[in-house]
Amino acid sequence: MAIKSLSIRIDEEVLDKLHIVADYEGRSANSEILILIRDAIAEYEEKHGKIVTKN
């Protein structure tokens, strides 16, 4: 699996809060975002079925 890069725009206050949550969990902000994304995908798939990708 290739690792891709994604750039996002995020409100400064939300970013500051993300860093606080990530620090509390002992993670980097990037790792925290990946976990949040994976959790959201798992929740979606639980409700709607497995997502099939072209890759």
C-alpha atoms as a PDB file:
ATOM      1  CA  MET A   1       0.000   0.000   0.000  1.00  0.00           C
ATOM      2  CA  ALA A   2       1.433   3.361  -1.034  1.00  0.00           C
ATOM      3  CA  ILE A   3       1.451   6.226   1.435  1.00  0.00           C
ATOM      4  CA  LYS A   4      -0.094   9.369  -0.058  1.00  0.00           C
ATOM      5  CA  SER A   5       0.013  12.927   1.197  1.00  0.00           C
ATOM      6  CA  LEU A   6      -3.054  15.100   1.782  1.00  0.00           C
ATOM      7  CA  SER A   7      -3.116  18.789   2.550  1.00  0.00           C
ATOM      8  CA  ILE A   8      -6.063  20.227   4.495  1.00  0.00           C
ATOM      9  CA  ARG A   9      -7.169  23.643   5.654  1.00  0.00           C
ATOM     10  CA  ILE A  10      -8.120  23.702   9.306  1.00  0.00           C
ATOM     11  CA  ASP A  11      -9.246  26.401  11.693  1.00  0.00           C
ATOM     12  CA  GLU A  12      -6.469  27.390  14.125  1.00  0.00           C
ATOM     13  CA  GLU A  13      -8.600  26.661  17.213  1.00  0.00           C
ATOM     14  CA  VAL A  14      -9.521  23.196  15.920  1.00  0.00           C
ATOM     15  CA  LEU A  15      -5.862  22.480  15.152  1.00  0.00           C
ATOM     16  CA  ASP A  16      -4.834  23.587  18.644  1.00  0.00           C
ATOM     17  CA  LYS A  17      -7.468  21.269  20.141  1.00  0.00           C
ATOM     18  CA  LEU A  18      -6.333  18.418  17.905  1.00  0.00           C
ATOM     19  CA  HIS A  19      -2.785  18.827  19.215  1.00  0.00           C
ATOM     20  CA  ILE A  20      -4.058  18.707  22.800  1.00  0.00           C
ATOM     21  CA  VAL A  21      -6.022  15.501  22.145  1.00  0.00           C
ATOM     22  CA  ALA A  22      -3.086  13.927  20.281  1.00  0.00           C
ATOM     23  CA  ASP A  23      -0.652  14.844  23.078  1.00  0.00           C
ATOM     24  CA  TYR A  24      -3.011  13.360  25.656  1.00  0.00           C
ATOM     25  CA  GLU A  25      -3.155  10.113  23.649  1.00  0.00           C
ATOM     26  CA  GLY A  26       0.635  10.118  23.181  1.00  0.00           C
ATOM     27  CA  ARG A  27       0.385  10.536  19.435  1.00  0.00           C
ATOM     28  CA  SER A  28       1.372  13.024  16.788  1.00  0.00           C
ATOM     29  CA  ALA A  29      -1.380  15.106  15.231  1.00  0.00           C
ATOM     30  CA  ASN A  30      -0.917  13.114  12.001  1.00  0.00           C
ATOM     31  CA  SER A  31      -1.377   9.784  13.813  1.00  0.00           C
ATOM     32  CA  GLU A  32      -4.442  11.112  15.621  1.00  0.00           C
ATOM     33  CA  ILE A  33      -6.008  12.215  12.324  1.00  0.00           C
ATOM     34  CA  LEU A  34      -5.345   8.777  10.782  1.00  0.00           C
ATOM     35  CA  ILE A  35      -7.053   7.066  13.718  1.00  0.00           C
ATOM     36  CA  LEU A  36     -10.055   9.401  13.480  1.00  0.00           C
ATOM     37  CA  ILE A  37     -10.341   8.726   9.745  1.00  0.00           C
ATOM     38  CA  ARG A  38     -10.064   4.946  10.220  1.00  0.00           C
ATOM     39  CA  ASP A  39     -12.719   5.069  12.953  1.00  0.00           C
ATOM     40  CA  ALA A  40     -15.053   7.068  10.692  1.00  0.00           C
ATOM     41  CA  ILE A  41     -14.565   4.583   7.841  1.00  0.00           C
ATOM     42  CA  ALA A  42     -15.199   1.619  10.151  1.00  0.00           C
ATOM     43  CA  GLU A  43     -18.394   3.267  11.429  1.00  0.00           C
ATOM     44  CA  TYR A  44     -19.557   3.959   7.864  1.00  0.00           C
ATOM     45  CA  GLU A  45     -18.843   0.380   6.779  1.00  0.00           C
ATOM     46  CA  GLU A  46     -20.669  -0.982   9.815  1.00  0.00           C
ATOM     47  CA  LYS A  47     -23.795   0.913   8.761  1.00  0.00           C
ATOM     48  CA  HIS A  48     -23.519   0.654   4.970  1.00  0.00           C
ATOM     49  CA  GLY A  49     -21.323  -2.334   4.195  1.00  0.00           C
ATOM     50  CA  LYS A  50     -17.739  -2.689   3.090  1.00  0.00           C
ATOM     51  CA  ILE A  51     -16.362   0.007   0.814  1.00  0.00           C
ATOM     52  CA  VAL A  52     -14.798  -1.504  -2.304  1.00  0.00           C
ATOM     53  CA  THR A  53     -12.014   0.527  -3.886  1.00  0.00           C
ATOM     54  CA  LYS A  54     -10.288   0.179  -7.232  1.00  0.00           C
ATOM     55  CA  ASN A  55      -6.916  -0.446  -5.546  1.00  0.00           C
END
